[in-house]
Amino acid sequence: MLFSTKAIIVKVAFANTATDALTLLTLRMLFSLPFYLVSALTIARNKNYTPLNRQQWTGILVLGLFGYYLSSLFDFVGLQYVSAGLERLILFLYPTFAVLINATVFKQPVTRVQQIALLLTYMGIGIAYIGELHVDTGNANFYWGSFLIFLCAITYSSYIAGSGYMVPRTGAARFTSYSMLAATTGIFIHFLIAGNNYHLLFQKTNLWGYGILLAIVATVIPTFLLAAGMKKIGTNNVAVISAIGPVSTILQAHFVLHEKIFAAQIAGTILVIIGVLLIGWKKGAS
């Protein structure tokens, strides 16, 4: 539920300030940095960890840049053009993309249950998307925003699929901390190269509140809660419980942003959740 607040906070920030996606994303990572830096330093001093080799360092760097730099950038820019509810629904396709990546890259077979799950999720997105078209008729950038969120789901699924390969070799805490630092570095470099928004970080201090909320409420706390929960109940139960994400976002968007809830959205959301739960169930069964 805390993860699902991200889209709401971003939409409110866009509505109430003159900020852009890159500046808001930079603030998010700026206020998140101390937590992941402390975690990384603590891990580095732990002698129980074996040193990483060059291949592992490269994997962490690349996956971090894909998972929390590119995907976050696509997400924040896309949220300028689509509703928070649709954003979460498209983004929730990432488990299906992870299945396809595992099938093509790591040669893991796609089972019959997973094939049904893929069909249900894409049907659900299609139904919700058509319904959104009838509601958001005056948005000239609707397709562009949807495409960016779609790219966000793909890049994030690359991170998820790659982490399944890397975590057993590097450790979950070390992988998460180091990959987040890699992503933060990428975002900071991008912001420095862009070069025209430095003043926003200091002159418009009302942005800091949104940056702090994004960092603490929508990033740091849920990241550590998810890691702790996964350790206690396993990835299968985490996948099942995570299905509350789109529902949580839709309800928050309705009450906070006054976005409409319509029948096609509900039907599409149900199909997507069923599909993702089937994928999670099959992973747990295997």
Foldseek 3Di string as FASTA:
>chain_A
DLQLCLLVLLVVCVVPDVDALLVLLLLQLVLQVVVLVVLQVVVVPDPVFDDDDPVLLVLLLVLLQLARALLSSLLSNLSVQAFSLLLQLLLLCLVLLLVVCCCPPVVDDQDPLLVLLNVLLVVLNVLQVVVRCVVPVPGPCNVVSSVSSNSSSNSNSVSVNSCVVNCVPGNDSNSVSSSSVSSSVVSVVVVVVVPPCPVCVPVVCVSSVSSNSCNPRNPDVVVVVLVVVCVVPNQLVSQLVCLCSSVVNVVCCCVSVVDDDDDSSVSSSVSNSVSSNSSSVVVVVD
